[in-house]
C-alpha atoms as a PDB file:
ATOM      1  CA  MET A   1      23.809   2.026   5.554  1.00  0.00           C
ATOM      2  CA  THR A   2      24.883   5.565   4.623  1.00  0.00           C
ATOM      3  CA  SER A   3      24.328   8.613   6.765  1.00  0.00           C
ATOM      4  CA  GLN A   4      21.810   9.777   4.176  1.00  0.00           C
ATOM      5  CA  ASP A   5      19.630   6.753   4.988  1.00  0.00           C
ATOM      6  CA  LYS A   6      19.682   7.302   8.754  1.00  0.00           C
ATOM      7  CA  ARG A   7      18.250  10.801   8.886  1.00  0.00           C
ATOM      8  CA  ARG A   8      15.834  12.936   7.008  1.00  0.00           C
ATOM      9  CA  PRO A   9      17.276  16.126   5.535  1.00  0.00           C
ATOM     10  CA  ARG A  10      16.076  19.389   7.007  1.00  0.00           C
ATOM     11  CA  ARG A  11      16.791  21.693   4.059  1.00  0.00           C
ATOM     12  CA  ARG A  12      14.220  21.771   1.306  1.00  0.00           C
ATOM     13  CA  ALA A  13      15.734  22.388  -2.092  1.00  0.00           C
ATOM     14  CA  LEU A  14      12.866  22.200  -4.568  1.00  0.00           C
ATOM     15  CA  ARG A  15       9.176  21.967  -3.912  1.00  0.00           C
ATOM     16  CA  ARG A  16       6.224  21.916  -6.259  1.00  0.00           C
ATOM     17  CA  PRO A  17       4.122  25.094  -5.940  1.00  0.00           C
ATOM     18  CA  ALA A  18       0.966  24.586  -3.927  1.00  0.00           C
ATOM     19  CA  GLY A  19      -2.168  24.184  -6.011  1.00  0.00           C
ATOM     20  CA  PRO A  20      -5.865  23.807  -5.373  1.00  0.00           C
ATOM     21  CA  GLU A  21      -6.761  20.866  -3.193  1.00  0.00           C
ATOM     22  CA  ASN A  22      -8.081  17.766  -4.845  1.00  0.00           C
ATOM     23  CA  THR A  23     -11.706  17.762  -3.766  1.00  0.00           C
ATOM     24  CA  SER A  24     -12.965  15.350  -6.353  1.00  0.00           C
ATOM     25  CA  ALA A  25     -15.035  12.577  -4.859  1.00  0.00           C
ATOM     26  CA  ARG A  26     -14.902   8.995  -5.960  1.00  0.00           C
ATOM     27  CA  PRO A  27     -17.531   8.560  -8.670  1.00  0.00           C
ATOM     28  CA  GLN A  28     -20.541   6.553  -7.674  1.00  0.00           C
ATOM     29  CA  GLU A  29     -21.424   3.481  -9.689  1.00  0.00           C
ATOM     30  CA  PRO A  30     -24.698   3.728 -11.600  1.00  0.00           C
ATOM     31  CA  ARG A  31     -27.618   2.075  -9.898  1.00  0.00           C
ATOM     32  CA  THR A  32     -29.882  -0.207 -11.883  1.00  0.00           C
ATOM     33  CA  GLY A  33     -33.332  -1.554 -11.207  1.00  0.00           C
ATOM     34  CA  LEU A  34     -33.846  -5.239 -11.961  1.00  0.00           C
ATOM     35  CA  GLN A  35     -30.728  -7.421 -12.020  1.00  0.00           C
ATOM     36  CA  THR A  36     -30.440 -11.022 -13.189  1.00  0.00           C
ATOM     37  CA  ASP A  37     -27.930 -13.785 -12.574  1.00  0.00           C
ATOM     38  CA  ASP A  38     -26.117 -15.860 -15.251  1.00  0.00           C
ATOM     39  CA  ASN A  39     -29.275 -17.923 -15.851  1.00  0.00           C
ATOM     40  CA  GLY A  40     -31.471 -14.868 -16.426  1.00  0.00           C
ATOM     41  CA  ARG A  41     -33.259 -15.202 -13.089  1.00  0.00           C
ATOM     42  CA  PRO A  42     -34.092 -11.985 -11.199  1.00  0.00           C
ATOM     43  CA  ARG A  43     -31.724 -11.157  -8.373  1.00  0.00           C
ATOM     44  CA  ARG A  44     -32.974  -9.482  -5.255  1.00  0.00           C
ATOM     45  CA  PRO A  45     -32.431  -5.708  -5.215  1.00  0.00           C
ATOM     46  CA  GLN A  46     -29.742  -4.493  -2.830  1.00  0.00           C
ATOM     47  CA  ALA A  47     -30.602  -1.236  -1.125  1.00  0.00           C
ATOM     48  CA  PRO A  48     -27.893   0.573   0.865  1.00  0.00           C
ATOM     49  CA  ASP A  49     -30.306   1.678   3.594  1.00  0.00           C
ATOM     50  CA  THR A  50     -30.919  -1.940   4.710  1.00  0.00           C
ATOM     51  CA  GLY A  51     -27.421  -2.356   6.139  1.00  0.00           C
ATOM     52  CA  ALA A  52     -25.947  -3.818   2.949  1.00  0.00           C
ATOM     53  CA  VAL A  53     -22.205  -3.353   2.523  1.00  0.00           C
ATOM     54  CA  ARG A  54     -20.055  -3.613  -0.580  1.00  0.00           C
ATOM     55  CA  LEU A  55     -18.917  -7.173  -1.151  1.00  0.00           C
ATOM     56  CA  GLN A  56     -15.209  -6.346  -1.554  1.00  0.00           C
ATOM     57  CA  LYS A  57     -15.253  -4.472   1.764  1.00  0.00           C
ATOM     58  CA  ILE A  58     -16.539  -7.552   3.589  1.00  0.00           C
ATOM     59  CA  LEU A  59     -13.909  -9.745   1.919  1.00  0.00           C
ATOM     60  CA  ALA A  60     -11.166  -7.264   2.826  1.00  0.00           C
ATOM     61  CA  GLU A  61     -12.307  -7.193   6.460  1.00  0.00           C
ATOM     62  CA  ALA A  62     -12.109 -11.002   6.454  1.00  0.00           C
ATOM     63  CA  GLY A  63      -8.392 -10.620   5.745  1.00  0.00           C
ATOM     64  CA  LEU A  64      -8.477 -12.096   2.237  1.00  0.00           C
ATOM     65  CA  GLY A  65      -6.626  -9.259   0.519  1.00  0.00           C
ATOM     66  CA  SER A  66      -6.782  -5.627  -0.534  1.00  0.00           C
ATOM     67  CA  ARG A  67      -9.899  -4.317  -2.263  1.00  0.00           C
ATOM     68  CA  ARG A  68      -8.055  -4.051  -5.575  1.00  0.00           C
ATOM     69  CA  THR A  69      -7.090  -7.723  -5.408  1.00  0.00           C
ATOM     70  CA  LEU A  70     -10.584  -8.773  -4.349  1.00  0.00           C
ATOM     71  CA  GLU A  71     -12.235  -6.794  -7.142  1.00  0.00           C
ATOM     72  CA  GLY A  72     -10.112  -8.865  -9.504  1.00  0.00           C
ATOM     73  CA  TRP A  73     -11.385 -12.067  -7.875  1.00  0.00           C
ATOM     74  CA  ILE A  74     -14.983 -10.914  -8.346  1.00  0.00           C
ATOM     75  CA  SER A  75     -14.358 -10.071 -12.007  1.00  0.00           C
ATOM     76  CA  GLU A  76     -12.772 -13.507 -12.509  1.00  0.00           C
ATOM     77  CA  GLY A  77     -15.916 -15.250 -11.195  1.00  0.00           C
ATOM     78  CA  ARG A  78     -14.281 -16.641  -8.058  1.00  0.00           C
ATOM     79  CA  VAL A  79     -16.852 -15.166  -5.637  1.00  0.00           C
ATOM     80  CA  ARG A  80     -20.482 -16.184  -5.100  1.00  0.00           C
ATOM     81  CA  VAL A  81     -23.231 -14.749  -2.885  1.00  0.00           C
ATOM     82  CA  ASN A  82     -26.012 -17.137  -1.850  1.00  0.00           C
ATOM     83  CA  GLY A  83     -24.827 -19.488  -4.587  1.00  0.00           C
ATOM     84  CA  GLN A  84     -25.071 -16.853  -7.323  1.00  0.00           C
ATOM     85  CA  LEU A  85     -22.111 -15.423  -9.210  1.00  0.00           C
ATOM     86  CA  ALA A  86     -21.107 -12.073  -7.700  1.00  0.00           C
ATOM     87  CA  LYS A  87     -20.663  -8.899  -9.723  1.00  0.00           C
ATOM     88  CA  LEU A  88     -18.640  -5.764  -9.072  1.00  0.00           C
ATOM     89  CA  GLY A  89     -20.787  -3.286  -7.164  1.00  0.00           C
ATOM     90  CA  ASP A  90     -22.791  -5.981  -5.332  1.00  0.00           C
ATOM     91  CA  ARG A  91     -23.764  -5.286  -1.725  1.00  0.00           C
ATOM     92  CA  VAL A  92     -24.388  -7.982   0.865  1.00  0.00           C
ATOM     93  CA  LEU A  93     -26.367  -8.241   4.074  1.00  0.00           C
ATOM     94  CA  PRO A  94     -25.225  -9.924   7.312  1.00  0.00           C
ATOM     95  CA  SER A  95     -27.514 -12.874   6.470  1.00  0.00           C
ATOM     96  CA  ASP A  96     -25.970 -13.464   3.017  1.00  0.00           C
ATOM     97  CA  ARG A  97     -23.683 -16.451   2.433  1.00  0.00           C
ATOM     98  CA  ILE A  98     -20.389 -15.664   0.666  1.00  0.00           C
ATOM     99  CA  SER A  99     -17.961 -18.173  -0.831  1.00  0.00           C
ATOM    100  CA  VAL A 100     -14.626 -17.840  -2.625  1.00  0.00           C
ATOM    101  CA  ASP A 101     -13.509 -20.688  -4.889  1.00  0.00           C
ATOM    102  CA  GLY A 102     -16.291 -22.804  -3.396  1.00  0.00           C
ATOM    103  CA  GLU A 103     -15.223 -22.289   0.238  1.00  0.00           C
ATOM    104  CA  ALA A 104     -17.400 -20.370   2.701  1.00  0.00           C
ATOM    105  CA  VAL A 105     -16.035 -17.050   3.936  1.00  0.00           C
ATOM    106  CA  LYS A 106     -16.039 -16.543   7.677  1.00  0.00           C
ATOM    107  CA  ARG A 107     -17.267 -12.996   8.101  1.00  0.00           C
ATOM    108  CA  ARG A 108     -16.014 -10.748  10.838  1.00  0.00           C
ATOM    109  CA  GLY A 109     -15.910  -7.069  11.624  1.00  0.00           C
ATOM    110  CA  PRO A 110     -12.706  -5.133  11.084  1.00  0.00           C
ATOM    111  CA  ARG A 111     -11.974  -4.983  14.819  1.00  0.00           C
ATOM    112  CA  GLN A 112     -12.843  -8.535  15.932  1.00  0.00           C
ATOM    113  CA  SER A 113      -9.252  -9.696  15.504  1.00  0.00           C
ATOM    114  CA  ARG A 114      -6.336  -7.615  16.698  1.00  0.00           C
ATOM    115  CA  LEU A 115      -5.292  -5.115  14.081  1.00  0.00           C
ATOM    116  CA  ARG A 116      -1.618  -5.549  13.305  1.00  0.00           C
ATOM    117  CA  VAL A 117       0.738  -3.484  11.164  1.00  0.00           C
ATOM    118  CA  LEU A 118       4.379  -4.396  10.664  1.00  0.00           C
ATOM    119  CA  ALA A 119       7.203  -2.198   9.429  1.00  0.00           C
ATOM    120  CA  TYR A 120       9.411  -4.473   7.326  1.00  0.00           C
ATOM    121  CA  HIS A 121      12.856  -3.460   6.070  1.00  0.00           C
ATOM    122  CA  LYS A 122      13.014  -5.011   2.623  1.00  0.00           C
ATOM    123  CA  PRO A 123      16.537  -5.661   1.321  1.00  0.00           C
ATOM    124  CA  GLU A 124      17.432  -5.548  -2.365  1.00  0.00           C
ATOM    125  CA  GLY A 125      16.907  -8.884  -4.121  1.00  0.00           C
ATOM    126  CA  GLU A 126      13.666  -9.880  -2.339  1.00  0.00           C
ATOM    127  CA  MET A 127      10.338 -10.228  -4.154  1.00  0.00           C
ATOM    128  CA  VAL A 128       7.098  -8.755  -2.819  1.00  0.00           C
ATOM    129  CA  THR A 129       5.074 -11.827  -3.751  1.00  0.00           C
ATOM    130  CA  ARG A 130       3.951 -14.981  -1.991  1.00  0.00           C
ATOM    131  CA  ARG A 131       5.631 -17.361  -4.423  1.00  0.00           C
ATOM    132  CA  ASP A 132       8.256 -16.743  -7.072  1.00  0.00           C
ATOM    133  CA  PRO A 133       8.498 -19.254  -9.955  1.00  0.00           C
ATOM    134  CA  GLY A 134      12.209 -18.484 -10.203  1.00  0.00           C
ATOM    135  CA  GLY A 135      12.846 -19.495  -6.609  1.00  0.00           C
ATOM    136  CA  ARG A 136      13.987 -16.050  -5.500  1.00  0.00           C
ATOM    137  CA  PRO A 137      13.480 -15.109  -1.829  1.00  0.00           C
ATOM    138  CA  THR A 138      10.236 -13.319  -0.915  1.00  0.00           C
ATOM    139  CA  ILE A 139       9.338 -11.055   1.977  1.00  0.00           C
ATOM    140  CA  PHE A 140       6.701 -13.520   3.191  1.00  0.00           C
ATOM    141  CA  GLN A 141       9.432 -15.989   4.115  1.00  0.00           C
ATOM    142  CA  ARG A 142      10.597 -13.473   6.739  1.00  0.00           C
ATOM    143  CA  LEU A 143       7.259 -12.427   8.235  1.00  0.00           C
ATOM    144  CA  PRO A 144       5.794 -13.915  11.435  1.00  0.00           C
ATOM    145  CA  GLY A 145       2.919 -16.365  11.419  1.00  0.00           C
ATOM    146  CA  ILE A 146      -0.631 -15.076  11.713  1.00  0.00           C
ATOM    147  CA  ARG A 147      -3.729 -16.871  13.064  1.00  0.00           C
ATOM    148  CA  ASP A 148      -6.575 -15.174  11.198  1.00  0.00           C
ATOM    149  CA  GLY A 149      -6.542 -13.979   7.606  1.00  0.00           C
ATOM    150  CA  ARG A 150      -3.195 -13.315   5.985  1.00  0.00           C
ATOM    151  CA  TRP A 151      -0.578 -10.610   5.606  1.00  0.00           C
ATOM    152  CA  ILE A 152      -1.352  -7.904   3.046  1.00  0.00           C
ATOM    153  CA  THR A 153       1.350  -5.554   1.777  1.00  0.00           C
ATOM    154  CA  VAL A 154       0.599  -1.848   1.496  1.00  0.00           C
ATOM    155  CA  GLY A 155       1.849  -1.395  -2.049  1.00  0.00           C
ATOM    156  CA  ARG A 156       5.048  -2.935  -3.387  1.00  0.00           C
ATOM    157  CA  LEU A 157       8.759  -2.334  -3.824  1.00  0.00           C
ATOM    158  CA  ASP A 158      10.472  -3.752  -6.895  1.00  0.00           C
ATOM    159  CA  LEU A 159      13.288  -6.300  -6.781  1.00  0.00           C
ATOM    160  CA  ASN A 160      16.116  -3.741  -6.716  1.00  0.00           C
ATOM    161  CA  THR A 161      14.456  -1.292  -4.321  1.00  0.00           C
ATOM    162  CA  ALA A 162      15.059  -1.536  -0.580  1.00  0.00           C
ATOM    163  CA  GLY A 163      13.491   0.082   2.451  1.00  0.00           C
ATOM    164  CA  LEU A 164      10.236   0.435   4.353  1.00  0.00           C
ATOM    165  CA  LEU A 165       7.283  -1.775   3.469  1.00  0.00           C
ATOM    166  CA  LEU A 166       4.140  -1.783   5.617  1.00  0.00           C
ATOM    167  CA  VAL A 167       2.342  -5.114   6.078  1.00  0.00           C
ATOM    168  CA  THR A 168      -1.046  -5.535   7.765  1.00  0.00           C
ATOM    169  CA  ASN A 169      -3.819  -8.060   8.404  1.00  0.00           C
ATOM    170  CA  HIS A 170      -6.503  -5.435   7.710  1.00  0.00           C
ATOM    171  CA  GLY A 171      -7.586  -5.269   4.074  1.00  0.00           C
ATOM    172  CA  GLU A 172      -9.577  -2.044   4.447  1.00  0.00           C
ATOM    173  CA  LEU A 173      -6.600  -0.222   5.953  1.00  0.00           C
ATOM    174  CA  ALA A 174      -4.313  -1.447   3.166  1.00  0.00           C
ATOM    175  CA  ASN A 175      -6.809  -0.366   0.508  1.00  0.00           C
ATOM    176  CA  ARG A 176      -7.234   3.130   1.931  1.00  0.00           C
ATOM    177  CA  LEU A 177      -3.502   3.723   2.284  1.00  0.00           C
ATOM    178  CA  MET A 178      -2.913   2.650  -1.339  1.00  0.00           C
ATOM    179  CA  HIS A 179      -5.815   4.623  -2.830  1.00  0.00           C
ATOM    180  CA  PRO A 180      -4.601   7.703  -4.768  1.00  0.00           C
ATOM    181  CA  SER A 181      -7.312   9.898  -3.217  1.00  0.00           C
ATOM    182  CA  ARG A 182      -5.599   9.635   0.203  1.00  0.00           C
ATOM    183  CA  GLN A 183      -2.361  11.156  -1.153  1.00  0.00           C
ATOM    184  CA  VAL A 184      -0.235   9.428   1.482  1.00  0.00           C
ATOM    185  CA  GLU A 185       3.358  10.701   1.493  1.00  0.00           C
ATOM    186  CA  ARG A 186       6.107   8.308   0.401  1.00  0.00           C
ATOM    187  CA  GLU A 187       9.705   9.443   0.874  1.00  0.00           C
ATOM    188  CA  TYR A 188      12.680   7.856  -0.886  1.00  0.00           C
ATOM    189  CA  ALA A 189      16.468   8.208  -0.678  1.00  0.00           C
ATOM    190  CA  VAL A 190      17.849   8.116  -4.229  1.00  0.00           C
ATOM    191  CA  ARG A 191      21.461   7.913  -5.396  1.00  0.00           C
ATOM    192  CA  ILE A 192      22.032   9.329  -8.886  1.00  0.00           C
ATOM    193  CA  HIS A 193      25.092   8.232 -10.828  1.00  0.00           C
ATOM    194  CA  GLY A 194      26.609  10.620 -13.345  1.00  0.00           C
ATOM    195  CA  ASP A 195      25.762  14.124 -14.475  1.00  0.00           C
ATOM    196  CA  ILE A 196      22.350  15.665 -13.952  1.00  0.00           C
ATOM    197  CA  PRO A 197      21.211  17.675 -16.988  1.00  0.00           C
ATOM    198  CA  ASP A 198      20.454  21.365 -16.548  1.00  0.00           C
ATOM    199  CA  GLY A 199      16.824  21.922 -15.646  1.00  0.00           C
ATOM    200  CA  ALA A 200      16.215  18.280 -14.733  1.00  0.00           C
ATOM    201  CA  LEU A 201      15.363  18.943 -11.079  1.00  0.00           C
ATOM    202  CA  GLU A 202      12.956  21.748 -11.981  1.00  0.00           C
ATOM    203  CA  ALA A 203      11.257  19.496 -14.518  1.00  0.00           C
ATOM    204  CA  LEU A 204      10.817  16.737 -11.935  1.00  0.00           C
ATOM    205  CA  VAL A 205       8.841  18.980  -9.568  1.00  0.00           C
ATOM    206  CA  GLN A 206       6.865  20.678 -12.341  1.00  0.00           C
ATOM    207  CA  GLY A 207       5.807  17.446 -14.036  1.00  0.00           C
ATOM    208  CA  VAL A 208       7.111  14.889 -16.527  1.00  0.00           C
ATOM    209  CA  ALA A 209       5.094  12.918 -19.070  1.00  0.00           C
ATOM    210  CA  LEU A 210       5.324   9.144 -18.493  1.00  0.00           C
ATOM    211  CA  GLU A 211       3.666   6.381 -20.514  1.00  0.00           C
ATOM    212  CA  ASP A 212       0.859   6.156 -17.915  1.00  0.00           C
ATOM    213  CA  GLY A 213       0.321   9.904 -17.543  1.00  0.00           C
ATOM    214  CA  GLN A 214       1.847  13.002 -15.986  1.00  0.00           C
ATOM    215  CA  ALA A 215       3.879  12.516 -12.802  1.00  0.00           C
ATOM    216  CA  ARG A 216       6.093  14.610 -10.535  1.00  0.00           C
ATOM    217  CA  PHE A 217       7.847  14.799  -7.191  1.00  0.00           C
ATOM    218  CA  GLU A 218       6.306  17.023  -4.528  1.00  0.00           C
ATOM    219  CA  GLU A 219       9.776  17.794  -3.162  1.00  0.00           C
ATOM    220  CA  ILE A 220      13.405  17.131  -4.044  1.00  0.00           C
ATOM    221  CA  VAL A 221      16.077  17.639  -1.370  1.00  0.00           C
ATOM    222  CA  GLU A 222      19.764  17.306  -2.186  1.00  0.00           C
ATOM    223  CA  SER A 223      21.362  15.361   0.662  1.00  0.00           C
ATOM    224  CA  GLY A 224      25.047  14.832  -0.013  1.00  0.00           C
ATOM    225  CA  GLY A 225      27.336  12.639  -2.042  1.00  0.00           C
ATOM    226  CA  SER A 226      30.567  13.205  -3.902  1.00  0.00           C
ATOM    227  CA  GLY A 227      32.119  12.534  -7.275  1.00  0.00           C
ATOM    228  CA  ALA A 228      29.836  10.753  -9.705  1.00  0.00           C
ATOM    229  CA  ASN A 229      27.253   9.845  -7.018  1.00  0.00           C
ATOM    230  CA  ARG A 230      24.816  12.359  -5.539  1.00  0.00           C
ATOM    231  CA  TRP A 231      22.050  11.632  -3.021  1.00  0.00           C
ATOM    232  CA  PHE A 232      18.567  13.136  -3.030  1.00  0.00           C
ATOM    233  CA  HIS A 233      15.431  12.667  -0.952  1.00  0.00           C
ATOM    234  CA  VAL A 234      12.223  12.817  -2.990  1.00  0.00           C
ATOM    235  CA  LEU A 235       8.570  12.910  -1.978  1.00  0.00           C
ATOM    236  CA  LEU A 236       5.646  11.271  -3.807  1.00  0.00           C
ATOM    237  CA  LEU A 237       1.911  11.247  -3.083  1.00  0.00           C
ATOM    238  CA  GLU A 238       1.104   8.114  -5.096  1.00  0.00           C
ATOM    239  CA  GLY A 239       2.521   4.664  -5.715  1.00  0.00           C
ATOM    240  CA  ARG A 240       2.644   3.844  -9.416  1.00  0.00           C
ATOM    241  CA  ASN A 241       4.838   0.988 -10.608  1.00  0.00           C
ATOM    242  CA  ARG A 242       8.562   1.980 -10.560  1.00  0.00           C
ATOM    243  CA  GLU A 243       7.524   5.633 -10.563  1.00  0.00           C
ATOM    244  CA  VAL A 244      10.641   7.039  -8.867  1.00  0.00           C
ATOM    245  CA  ARG A 245      13.009   5.297 -11.273  1.00  0.00           C
ATOM    246  CA  ARG A 246      10.915   6.176 -14.323  1.00  0.00           C
ATOM    247  CA  LEU A 247      10.775   9.847 -13.389  1.00  0.00           C
ATOM    248  CA  TRP A 248      14.560  10.154 -13.080  1.00  0.00           C
ATOM    249  CA  GLU A 249      15.098   8.157 -16.269  1.00  0.00           C
ATOM    250  CA  ALA A 250      12.688  10.463 -18.120  1.00  0.00           C
ATOM    251  CA  VAL A 251      15.042  13.431 -17.509  1.00  0.00           C
ATOM    252  CA  GLY A 252      18.174  11.482 -18.467  1.00  0.00           C
ATOM    253  CA  CYS A 253      19.414  10.387 -15.010  1.00  0.00           C
ATOM    254  CA  GLU A 254      20.590   6.975 -13.822  1.00  0.00           C
ATOM    255  CA  VAL A 255      19.342   5.675 -10.455  1.00  0.00           C
ATOM    256  CA  SER A 256      22.078   3.536  -8.898  1.00  0.00           C
ATOM    257  CA  ARG A 257      20.356   2.988  -5.540  1.00  0.00           C
ATOM    258  CA  LEU A 258      16.809   3.481  -4.266  1.00  0.00           C
ATOM    259  CA  LYS A 259      15.427   3.102  -0.767  1.00  0.00           C
ATOM    260  CA  ARG A 260      12.066   4.037   0.751  1.00  0.00           C
ATOM    261  CA  VAL A 261      12.632   5.693   4.119  1.00  0.00           C
ATOM    262  CA  ARG A 262       9.115   6.819   5.068  1.00  0.00           C
ATOM    263  CA  PHE A 263       5.482   5.920   4.388  1.00  0.00           C
ATOM    264  CA  GLY A 264       2.955   8.351   5.849  1.00  0.00           C
ATOM    265  CA  ASN A 265       3.918   8.895   9.471  1.00  0.00           C
ATOM    266  CA  VAL A 266       6.087   5.743   9.723  1.00  0.00           C
ATOM    267  CA  ILE A 267       9.848   6.323   9.430  1.00  0.00           C
ATOM    268  CA  LEU A 268      12.293   3.492   8.761  1.00  0.00           C
ATOM    269  CA  GLY A 269      15.103   4.753  11.024  1.00  0.00           C
ATOM    270  CA  ALA A 270      17.967   2.559  12.190  1.00  0.00           C
ATOM    271  CA  ARG A 271      15.670  -0.337  13.112  1.00  0.00           C
ATOM    272  CA  PRO A 272      14.575  -2.794  11.888  1.00  0.00           C
ATOM    273  CA  LEU A 273      17.669  -3.982  10.047  1.00  0.00           C
ATOM    274  CA  PRO A 274      17.360  -5.314   6.456  1.00  0.00           C
ATOM    275  CA  GLY A 275      15.308  -8.511   6.437  1.00  0.00           C
ATOM    276  CA  GLN A 276      13.744  -7.766   9.844  1.00  0.00           C
ATOM    277  CA  TRP A 277      10.388  -6.390  10.983  1.00  0.00           C
ATOM    278  CA  ARG A 278       8.846  -4.646  13.960  1.00  0.00           C
ATOM    279  CA  GLU A 279       5.302  -3.958  15.141  1.00  0.00           C
ATOM    280  CA  LEU A 280       4.175  -0.356  14.959  1.00  0.00           C
ATOM    281  CA  THR A 281       3.840   1.394  18.294  1.00  0.00           C
ATOM    282  CA  GLY A 282       0.363   2.368  19.469  1.00  0.00           C
ATOM    283  CA  GLU A 283       1.083   6.012  18.640  1.00  0.00           C
ATOM    284  CA  GLU A 284       2.291   5.143  15.138  1.00  0.00           C
ATOM    285  CA  LEU A 285      -0.712   2.892  14.527  1.00  0.00           C
ATOM    286  CA  ASP A 286      -3.281   5.480  15.605  1.00  0.00           C
ATOM    287  CA  ALA A 287      -1.637   8.155  13.432  1.00  0.00           C
ATOM    288  CA  LEU A 288      -1.649   5.778  10.453  1.00  0.00           C
ATOM    289  CA  LEU A 289      -5.331   4.950  11.014  1.00  0.00           C
ATOM    290  CA  ALA A 290      -6.100   8.680  11.129  1.00  0.00           C
ATOM    291  CA  ILE A 291      -4.374   9.142   7.762  1.00  0.00           C
ATOM    292  CA  ALA A 292      -6.584   6.355   6.387  1.00  0.00           C
ATOM    293  CA  GLY A 293      -9.727   7.878   7.901  1.00  0.00           C
ATOM    294  CA  LEU A 294     -10.290   4.984  10.326  1.00  0.00           C
ATOM    295  CA  PRO A 295     -10.947   5.119  14.116  1.00  0.00           C
ATOM    296  CA  PRO A 296      -8.134   4.417  16.631  1.00  0.00           C
ATOM    297  CA  ALA A 297      -7.302   0.825  17.471  1.00  0.00           C
ATOM    298  CA  ARG A 298      -7.625  -0.925  20.798  1.00  0.00           C
ATOM    299  CA  HIS A 299      -4.093  -1.539  21.978  1.00  0.00           C
ATOM    300  CA  PRO A 300      -3.096  -4.634  24.008  1.00  0.00           C
ATOM    301  CA  ARG A 301      -1.858  -4.095  27.517  1.00  0.00           C
ATOM    302  CA  ARG A 302       1.868  -3.696  27.895  1.00  0.00           C
ATOM    303  CA  GLY A 303       3.774  -6.905  28.378  1.00  0.00           C
ATOM    304  CA  THR A 304       1.111  -9.135  26.830  1.00  0.00           C
ATOM    305  CA  THR A 305       3.121  -9.908  23.662  1.00  0.00           C
ATOM    306  CA  ALA A 306       6.766 -10.330  22.844  1.00  0.00           C
ATOM    307  CA  ARG A 307       7.995  -9.334  19.410  1.00  0.00           C
ATOM    308  CA  VAL A 308      11.403 -10.311  18.094  1.00  0.00           C
ATOM    309  CA  PRO A 309      12.215  -8.547  14.796  1.00  0.00           C
ATOM    310  CA  GLY A 310      12.902 -10.879  11.890  1.00  0.00           C
ATOM    311  CA  ARG A 311      11.886 -14.060  13.724  1.00  0.00           C
ATOM    312  CA  ARG A 312       8.779 -16.102  12.971  1.00  0.00           C
ATOM    313  CA  ARG A 313       6.436 -17.007  15.787  1.00  0.00           C
END
């Protein structure tokens, strides 16, 4: 690990000028009157003032995945409510019966099982997927066992990107941290090989057109290097696919190494080592929940659990 990876630079080289805050609210889905199921039979209306909650929120709290993943399941027809095919936008009551792929979902509140968040140090060459058809190693082979639900990654890192990856058993927390409206900071250490064209750094903080829209770095900090290799720390407020690499490539630069060193308030630091994990401290967890707009967690008493990084239990 280089010295650039172990510390965050203090000098700020380039920073995007501050603009008006994004105050746009998430658009509300249109409400309709009478709804029918696949057989044309009327479905009962679902009013929000009766305690009904969005279906994907309940599934996320049950530990089945992030809201984005679960919305895909609903669209694919894998979810039913009271025996009827669910639709995106459906709300459910505590008395409703939910099933996924024909199996009943055990409902629970988001705090009934202990909220856990792991900081995993992903090495290069590992896949962020549960199973790889090519037989390549995945991060889930390194994570500890879990009693309720399953581990959900907060975003992804591609095969050749290393560094900090947050993993949780709380679908709502994962969804909020990944949602663009939260603008959670993601910091990366980037090694650039070769010459950097004139004006490239300015363009990267002002904005570059990518195939999926305009993108930019909030900050770029030069942090050492010599010869043909120069290190930078860059800051993003979103998590599009391969965004850091695509931004540098768009201005004619070659990324020879990429590592995420911070997500929100969580810093990678010297531990855990590549391929290992650690539980967030109570202070880290509460700060992360605050970023997501969720209340503080109840922390276990000291000495009640033993955590060995990188070892299943």
